[in-house]
PDB file of N, CA and C in Angstrom:
ATOM      1  N   MET A   1     123.091 -77.563 131.189  1.00  0.00           N
ATOM      2  CA  MET A   1     122.084 -78.262 130.412  1.00  0.00           C
ATOM      3  C   MET A   1     122.512 -79.722 130.234  1.00  0.00           C
ATOM      4  N   LYS A   2     121.552 -80.593 130.379  1.00  0.00           N
ATOM      5  CA  LYS A   2     121.799 -82.026 130.241  1.00  0.00           C
ATOM      6  C   LYS A   2     122.123 -82.373 128.787  1.00  0.00           C
ATOM      7  N   PRO A   3     123.080 -83.269 128.554  1.00  0.00           N
ATOM      8  CA  PRO A   3     123.395 -83.657 127.172  1.00  0.00           C
ATOM      9  C   PRO A   3     122.186 -84.293 126.489  1.00  0.00           C
ATOM     10  N   ASP A   4     122.088 -84.093 125.198  1.00  0.00           N
ATOM     11  CA  ASP A   4     120.987 -84.660 124.424  1.00  0.00           C
ATOM     12  C   ASP A   4     121.228 -86.147 124.184  1.00  0.00           C
ATOM     13  N   ARG A   5     120.139 -86.894 124.070  1.00  0.00           N
ATOM     14  CA  ARG A   5     120.192 -88.327 123.753  1.00  0.00           C
ATOM     15  C   ARG A   5     119.377 -88.567 122.501  1.00  0.00           C
ATOM     16  N   PHE A   6     119.661 -89.654 121.839  1.00  0.00           N
ATOM     17  CA  PHE A   6     118.840 -90.087 120.718  1.00  0.00           C
ATOM     18  C   PHE A   6     117.822 -91.101 121.228  1.00  0.00           C
ATOM     19  N   LEU A   7     116.598 -90.971 120.742  1.00  0.00           N
ATOM     20  CA  LEU A   7     115.527 -91.897 121.119  1.00  0.00           C
ATOM     21  C   LEU A   7     115.062 -92.655 119.883  1.00  0.00           C
ATOM     22  N   ARG A   8     114.850 -93.941 120.044  1.00  0.00           N
ATOM     23  CA  ARG A   8     114.300 -94.758 118.959  1.00  0.00           C
ATOM     24  C   ARG A   8     112.778 -94.670 118.995  1.00  0.00           C
ATOM     25  N   LEU A   9     112.150 -95.132 117.929  1.00  0.00           N
ATOM     26  CA  LEU A   9     110.711 -95.002 117.737  1.00  0.00           C
ATOM     27  C   LEU A   9     109.904 -95.493 118.941  1.00  0.00           C
ATOM     28  N   GLN A  10     110.201 -96.684 119.436  1.00  0.00           N
ATOM     29  CA  GLN A  10     109.400 -97.240 120.529  1.00  0.00           C
ATOM     30  C   GLN A  10     109.447 -96.359 121.776  1.00  0.00           C
ATOM     31  N   GLU A  11     110.603 -95.786 122.056  1.00  0.00           N
ATOM     32  CA  GLU A  11     110.706 -94.917 123.228  1.00  0.00           C
ATOM     33  C   GLU A  11     109.953 -93.608 123.006  1.00  0.00           C
ATOM     34  N   VAL A  12     110.003 -93.084 121.790  1.00  0.00           N
ATOM     35  CA  VAL A  12     109.251 -91.860 121.472  1.00  0.00           C
ATOM     36  C   VAL A  12     107.754 -92.122 121.637  1.00  0.00           C
ATOM     37  N   LEU A  13     107.274 -93.222 121.085  1.00  0.00           N
ATOM     38  CA  LEU A  13     105.856 -93.561 121.196  1.00  0.00           C
ATOM     39  C   LEU A  13     105.444 -93.718 122.655  1.00  0.00           C
ATOM     40  N   TYR A  14     106.292 -94.360 123.443  1.00  0.00           N
ATOM     41  CA  TYR A  14     106.011 -94.547 124.866  1.00  0.00           C
ATOM     42  C   TYR A  14     105.941 -93.201 125.586  1.00  0.00           C
ATOM     43  N   ARG A  15     106.903 -92.344 125.307  1.00  0.00           N
ATOM     44  CA  ARG A  15     106.962 -91.053 125.996  1.00  0.00           C
ATOM     45  C   ARG A  15     105.795 -90.143 125.663  1.00  0.00           C
ATOM     46  N   VAL A  16     105.411 -90.076 124.401  1.00  0.00           N
ATOM     47  CA  VAL A  16     104.353 -89.138 124.023  1.00  0.00           C
ATOM     48  C   VAL A  16     102.965 -89.755 124.085  1.00  0.00           C
ATOM     49  N   GLY A  17     102.882 -91.075 124.131  1.00  0.00           N
ATOM     50  CA  GLY A  17     101.595 -91.740 124.323  1.00  0.00           C
ATOM     51  C   GLY A  17     100.656 -91.663 123.128  1.00  0.00           C
ATOM     52  N   ILE A  18     101.211 -91.648 121.923  1.00  0.00           N
ATOM     53  CA  ILE A  18     100.385 -91.667 120.722  1.00  0.00           C
ATOM     54  C   ILE A  18     100.776 -92.868 119.873  1.00  0.00           C
ATOM     55  N   SER A  19      99.924 -93.180 118.910  1.00  0.00           N
ATOM     56  CA  SER A  19     100.204 -94.325 118.036  1.00  0.00           C
ATOM     57  C   SER A  19     101.242 -93.956 116.987  1.00  0.00           C
ATOM     58  N   ARG A  20     101.798 -94.969 116.376  1.00  0.00           N
ATOM     59  CA  ARG A  20     102.777 -94.771 115.311  1.00  0.00           C
ATOM     60  C   ARG A  20     102.165 -93.975 114.160  1.00  0.00           C
ATOM     61  N   SER A  21     100.943 -94.341 113.759  1.00  0.00           N
ATOM     62  CA  SER A  21     100.316 -93.632 112.631  1.00  0.00           C
ATOM     63  C   SER A  21     100.043 -92.169 112.986  1.00  0.00           C
ATOM     64  N   SER A  22      99.643 -91.894 114.215  1.00  0.00           N
ATOM     65  CA  SER A  22      99.418 -90.504 114.639  1.00  0.00           C
ATOM     66  C   SER A  22     100.720 -89.720 114.614  1.00  0.00           C
ATOM     67  N   LEU A  23     101.801 -90.351 115.050  1.00  0.00           N
ATOM     68  CA  LEU A  23     103.096 -89.691 115.052  1.00  0.00           C
ATOM     69  C   LEU A  23     103.500 -89.306 113.630  1.00  0.00           C
ATOM     70  N   TYR A  24     103.364 -90.229 112.686  1.00  0.00           N
ATOM     71  CA  TYR A  24     103.764 -89.947 111.311  1.00  0.00           C
ATOM     72  C   TYR A  24     102.847 -88.905 110.661  1.00  0.00           C
ATOM     73  N   LYS A  25     101.553 -88.896 111.021  1.00  0.00           N
ATOM     74  CA  LYS A  25     100.657 -87.855 110.507  1.00  0.00           C
ATOM     75  C   LYS A  25     101.083 -86.488 111.016  1.00  0.00           C
ATOM     76  N   LEU A  26     101.454 -86.406 112.291  1.00  0.00           N
ATOM     77  CA  LEU A  26     101.940 -85.140 112.841  1.00  0.00           C
ATOM     78  C   LEU A  26     103.233 -84.708 112.161  1.00  0.00           C
ATOM     79  N   MET A  27     104.108 -85.658 111.875  1.00  0.00           N
ATOM     80  CA  MET A  27     105.370 -85.337 111.198  1.00  0.00           C
ATOM     81  C   MET A  27     105.116 -84.826 109.781  1.00  0.00           C
ATOM     82  N   GLU A  28     104.149 -85.423 109.079  1.00  0.00           N
ATOM     83  CA  GLU A  28     103.832 -85.003 107.707  1.00  0.00           C
ATOM     84  C   GLU A  28     103.392 -83.547 107.648  1.00  0.00           C
ATOM     85  N   THR A  29     102.751 -83.075 108.711  1.00  0.00           N
ATOM     86  CA  THR A  29     102.246 -81.699 108.744  1.00  0.00           C
ATOM     87  C   THR A  29     103.150 -80.782 109.571  1.00  0.00           C
ATOM     88  N   ASP A  30     104.377 -81.227 109.807  1.00  0.00           N
ATOM     89  CA  ASP A  30     105.370 -80.445 110.564  1.00  0.00           C
ATOM     90  C   ASP A  30     104.881 -80.049 111.957  1.00  0.00           C
ATOM     91  N   GLN A  31     104.092 -80.912 112.574  1.00  0.00           N
ATOM     92  CA  GLN A  31     103.608 -80.661 113.923  1.00  0.00           C
ATOM     93  C   GLN A  31     104.330 -81.506 114.963  1.00  0.00           C
ATOM     94  N   PHE A  32     105.361 -82.217 114.523  1.00  0.00           N
ATOM     95  CA  PHE A  32     106.141 -83.071 115.409  1.00  0.00           C
ATOM     96  C   PHE A  32     107.585 -83.017 114.930  1.00  0.00           C
ATOM     97  N   PRO A  33     108.552 -83.086 115.849  1.00  0.00           N
ATOM     98  CA  PRO A  33     109.961 -83.028 115.439  1.00  0.00           C
ATOM     99  C   PRO A  33     110.315 -84.102 114.410  1.00  0.00           C
ATOM    100  N   ALA A  34     111.142 -83.716 113.465  1.00  0.00           N
ATOM    101  CA  ALA A  34     111.566 -84.626 112.395  1.00  0.00           C
ATOM    102  C   ALA A  34     112.569 -85.653 112.921  1.00  0.00           C
ATOM    103  N   GLN A  35     112.624 -86.759 112.227  1.00  0.00           N
ATOM    104  CA  GLN A  35     113.593 -87.804 112.539  1.00  0.00           C
ATOM    105  C   GLN A  35     114.990 -87.350 112.145  1.00  0.00           C
ATOM    106  N   ILE A  36     115.956 -87.964 112.766  1.00  0.00           N
ATOM    107  CA  ILE A  36     117.361 -87.758 112.421  1.00  0.00           C
ATOM    108  C   ILE A  36     117.860 -89.089 111.873  1.00  0.00           C
ATOM    109  N   LYS A  37     118.382 -89.077 110.666  1.00  0.00           N
ATOM    110  CA  LYS A  37     118.899 -90.306 110.065  1.00  0.00           C
ATOM    111  C   LYS A  37     120.338 -90.527 110.519  1.00  0.00           C
ATOM    112  N   ILE A  38     120.588 -91.705 111.038  1.00  0.00           N
ATOM    113  CA  ILE A  38     121.939 -92.115 111.408  1.00  0.00           C
ATOM    114  C   ILE A  38     122.159 -93.478 110.750  1.00  0.00           C
ATOM    115  N   GLY A  39     122.885 -93.461 109.658  1.00  0.00           N
ATOM    116  CA  GLY A  39     123.066 -94.697 108.902  1.00  0.00           C
ATOM    117  C   GLY A  39     121.721 -95.178 108.385  1.00  0.00           C
ATOM    118  N   TYR A  40     121.376 -96.414 108.730  1.00  0.00           N
ATOM    119  CA  TYR A  40     120.102 -96.984 108.304  1.00  0.00           C
ATOM    120  C   TYR A  40     118.993 -96.742 109.318  1.00  0.00           C
ATOM    121  N   SER A  41     119.333 -96.170 110.444  1.00  0.00           N
ATOM    122  CA  SER A  41     118.366 -95.956 111.517  1.00  0.00           C
ATOM    123  C   SER A  41     117.838 -94.533 111.531  1.00  0.00           C
ATOM    124  N   SER A  42     116.662 -94.363 112.104  1.00  0.00           N
ATOM    125  CA  SER A  42     116.087 -93.052 112.350  1.00  0.00           C
ATOM    126  C   SER A  42     115.867 -92.916 113.848  1.00  0.00           C
ATOM    127  N   VAL A  43     116.235 -91.767 114.365  1.00  0.00           N
ATOM    128  CA  VAL A  43     116.093 -91.489 115.789  1.00  0.00           C
ATOM    129  C   VAL A  43     115.546 -90.073 115.939  1.00  0.00           C
ATOM    130  N   TRP A  44     115.188 -89.721 117.166  1.00  0.00           N
ATOM    131  CA  TRP A  44     114.732 -88.379 117.484  1.00  0.00           C
ATOM    132  C   TRP A  44     115.593 -87.828 118.606  1.00  0.00           C
ATOM    133  N   SER A  45     115.709 -86.530 118.647  1.00  0.00           N
ATOM    134  CA  SER A  45     116.421 -85.857 119.724  1.00  0.00           C
ATOM    135  C   SER A  45     115.521 -85.844 120.963  1.00  0.00           C
ATOM    136  N   GLU A  46     116.055 -86.313 122.078  1.00  0.00           N
ATOM    137  CA  GLU A  46     115.290 -86.297 123.327  1.00  0.00           C
ATOM    138  C   GLU A  46     114.883 -84.863 123.673  1.00  0.00           C
ATOM    139  N   ARG A  47     115.787 -83.928 123.467  1.00  0.00           N
ATOM    140  CA  ARG A  47     115.497 -82.522 123.771  1.00  0.00           C
ATOM    141  C   ARG A  47     114.339 -82.008 122.913  1.00  0.00           C
ATOM    142  N   ALA A  48     114.317 -82.361 121.627  1.00  0.00           N
ATOM    143  CA  ALA A  48     113.242 -81.920 120.734  1.00  0.00           C
ATOM    144  C   ALA A  48     111.903 -82.521 121.154  1.00  0.00           C
ATOM    145  N   ILE A  49     111.913 -83.781 121.570  1.00  0.00           N
ATOM    146  CA  ILE A  49     110.676 -84.430 122.015  1.00  0.00           C
ATOM    147  C   ILE A  49     110.181 -83.785 123.302  1.00  0.00           C
ATOM    148  N   THR A  50     111.075 -83.534 124.241  1.00  0.00           N
ATOM    149  CA  THR A  50     110.693 -82.895 125.504  1.00  0.00           C
ATOM    150  C   THR A  50     110.136 -81.497 125.251  1.00  0.00           C
ATOM    151  N   THR A  51     110.771 -80.743 124.370  1.00  0.00           N
ATOM    152  CA  THR A  51     110.297 -79.402 124.027  1.00  0.00           C
ATOM    153  C   THR A  51     108.908 -79.466 123.409  1.00  0.00           C
ATOM    154  N   TRP A  52     108.685 -80.433 122.521  1.00  0.00           N
ATOM    155  CA  TRP A  52     107.383 -80.603 121.889  1.00  0.00           C
ATOM    156  C   TRP A  52     106.322 -80.922 122.938  1.00  0.00           C
ATOM    157  N   MET A  53     106.650 -81.818 123.859  1.00  0.00           N
ATOM    158  CA  MET A  53     105.693 -82.184 124.908  1.00  0.00           C
ATOM    159  C   MET A  53     105.358 -80.972 125.782  1.00  0.00           C
ATOM    160  N   GLU A  54     106.358 -80.195 126.143  1.00  0.00           N
ATOM    161  CA  GLU A  54     106.127 -79.000 126.959  1.00  0.00           C
ATOM    162  C   GLU A  54     105.237 -78.002 126.225  1.00  0.00           C
ATOM    163  N   ALA A  55     105.425 -77.866 124.910  1.00  0.00           N
ATOM    164  CA  ALA A  55     104.592 -76.966 124.115  1.00  0.00           C
ATOM    165  C   ALA A  55     103.145 -77.456 124.065  1.00  0.00           C
ATOM    166  N   GLN A  56     102.960 -78.781 123.971  1.00  0.00           N
ATOM    167  CA  GLN A  56     101.606 -79.336 123.960  1.00  0.00           C
ATOM    168  C   GLN A  56     100.897 -79.073 125.294  1.00  0.00           C
ATOM    169  N   ILE A  57     101.630 -79.224 126.383  1.00  0.00           N
ATOM    170  CA  ILE A  57     101.068 -78.975 127.711  1.00  0.00           C
ATOM    171  C   ILE A  57     100.694 -77.504 127.846  1.00  0.00           C
ATOM    172  N   ALA A  58     101.592 -76.615 127.446  1.00  0.00           N
ATOM    173  CA  ALA A  58     101.326 -75.177 127.542  1.00  0.00           C
ATOM    174  C   ALA A  58     100.112 -74.786 126.708  1.00  0.00           C
ATOM    175  N   ALA A  59     100.001 -75.325 125.504  1.00  0.00           N
ATOM    176  CA  ALA A  59      98.861 -75.016 124.641  1.00  0.00           C
ATOM    177  C   ALA A  59      97.564 -75.524 125.253  1.00  0.00           C
ATOM    178  N   SER A  60      97.615 -76.704 125.843  1.00  0.00           N
ATOM    179  CA  SER A  60      96.429 -77.274 126.477  1.00  0.00           C
ATOM    180  C   SER A  60      95.999 -76.434 127.684  1.00  0.00           C
ATOM    181  N   LEU A  61      96.963 -76.035 128.503  1.00  0.00           N
ATOM    182  CA  LEU A  61      96.652 -75.214 129.670  1.00  0.00           C
ATOM    183  C   LEU A  61      96.082 -73.866 129.250  1.00  0.00           C
ATOM    184  N   SER A  62      96.640 -73.287 128.202  1.00  0.00           N
ATOM    185  CA  SER A  62      96.160 -72.007 127.694  1.00  0.00           C
ATOM    186  C   SER A  62      94.731 -72.140 127.161  1.00  0.00           C
ATOM    187  N   ALA A  63      94.473 -73.199 126.418  1.00  0.00           N
ATOM    188  CA  ALA A  63      93.130 -73.429 125.871  1.00  0.00           C
ATOM    189  C   ALA A  63      92.132 -73.646 127.001  1.00  0.00           C
ATOM    190  N   ASN A  64      92.523 -74.400 128.037  1.00  0.00           N
ATOM    191  CA  ASN A  64      91.632 -74.635 129.178  1.00  0.00           C
ATOM    192  C   ASN A  64      91.364 -73.347 129.938  1.00  0.00           C
ATOM    193  N   ALA A  65      92.371 -72.504 130.078  1.00  0.00           N
ATOM    194  CA  ALA A  65      92.191 -71.232 130.775  1.00  0.00           C
ATOM    195  C   ALA A  65      91.221 -70.349 130.005  1.00  0.00           C
ATOM    196  N   ASN A  66      91.345 -70.324 128.681  1.00  0.00           N
ATOM    197  CA  ASN A  66      90.428 -69.534 127.858  1.00  0.00           C
ATOM    198  C   ASN A  66      89.006 -70.057 127.960  1.00  0.00           C
ATOM    199  N   THR A  67      88.839 -71.363 127.953  1.00  0.00           N
ATOM    200  CA  THR A  67      87.519 -71.970 128.069  1.00  0.00           C
ATOM    201  C   THR A  67      86.906 -71.632 129.423  1.00  0.00           C
ATOM    202  N   ASN A  68      87.693 -71.740 130.487  1.00  0.00           N
ATOM    203  CA  ASN A  68      87.186 -71.429 131.823  1.00  0.00           C
ATOM    204  C   ASN A  68      86.786 -69.967 131.931  1.00  0.00           C
ATOM    205  N   THR A  69      87.545 -69.069 131.320  1.00  0.00           N
ATOM    206  CA  THR A  69      87.217 -67.643 131.330  1.00  0.00           C
ATOM    207  C   THR A  69      85.920 -67.400 130.580  1.00  0.00           C
ATOM    208  N   GLU A  70      85.769 -68.048 129.436  1.00  0.00           N
ATOM    209  CA  GLU A  70      84.541 -67.892 128.652  1.00  0.00           C
ATOM    210  C   GLU A  70      83.341 -68.430 129.418  1.00  0.00           C
ATOM    211  N   LEU A  71      83.490 -69.555 130.089  1.00  0.00           N
ATOM    212  CA  LEU A  71      82.397 -70.118 130.880  1.00  0.00           C
ATOM    213  C   LEU A  71      82.019 -69.188 132.030  1.00  0.00           C
ATOM    214  N   ALA A  72      83.014 -68.613 132.676  1.00  0.00           N
ATOM    215  CA  ALA A  72      82.753 -67.690 133.777  1.00  0.00           C
ATOM    216  C   ALA A  72      82.003 -66.457 133.274  1.00  0.00           C
ATOM    217  N   GLU A  73      82.363 -65.967 132.088  1.00  0.00           N
ATOM    218  CA  GLU A  73      81.675 -64.813 131.514  1.00  0.00           C
ATOM    219  C   GLU A  73      80.225 -65.146 131.171  1.00  0.00           C
ATOM    220  N   VAL A  74      79.979 -66.331 130.660  1.00  0.00           N
ATOM    221  CA  VAL A  74      78.613 -66.764 130.330  1.00  0.00           C
ATOM    222  C   VAL A  74      77.786 -66.854 131.600  1.00  0.00           C
ATOM    223  N   LYS A  75      78.338 -67.419 132.666  1.00  0.00           N
ATOM    224  CA  LYS A  75      77.603 -67.537 133.929  1.00  0.00           C
ATOM    225  C   LYS A  75      77.322 -66.149 134.511  1.00  0.00           C
ATOM    226  N   HIS A  76      78.247 -65.227 134.346  1.00  0.00           N
ATOM    227  CA  HIS A  76      78.093 -63.879 134.875  1.00  0.00           C
ATOM    228  C   HIS A  76      76.988 -63.115 134.143  1.00  0.00           C
ATOM    229  N   VAL A  77      76.848 -63.370 132.836  1.00  0.00           N
ATOM    230  CA  VAL A  77      75.842 -62.687 132.024  1.00  0.00           C
ATOM    231  C   VAL A  77      74.444 -63.140 132.411  1.00  0.00           C
ATOM    232  N   LYS A  78      74.288 -64.414 132.773  1.00  0.00           N
ATOM    233  CA  LYS A  78      72.959 -64.961 133.092  1.00  0.00           C
ATOM    234  C   LYS A  78      72.432 -64.389 134.340  1.00  0.00           C
TER     235      LYS A  78
END
């Protein structure tokens, strides 16, 4: 397993492609990995961010598969 790295805010925002306010809203509702305090700085675990992104992709693919199945069933009924 690759060693974990710390990511600063700008890199996290770049990687996940969301705004700062969206990121903090997700954090408030425990839908995004929490920050790690190091002295006066806050960072995120690269591994935690990657895991979160993979979970978002899996959820999206699952939702799309369900939608496609439902659409196919509707077309079949007609």
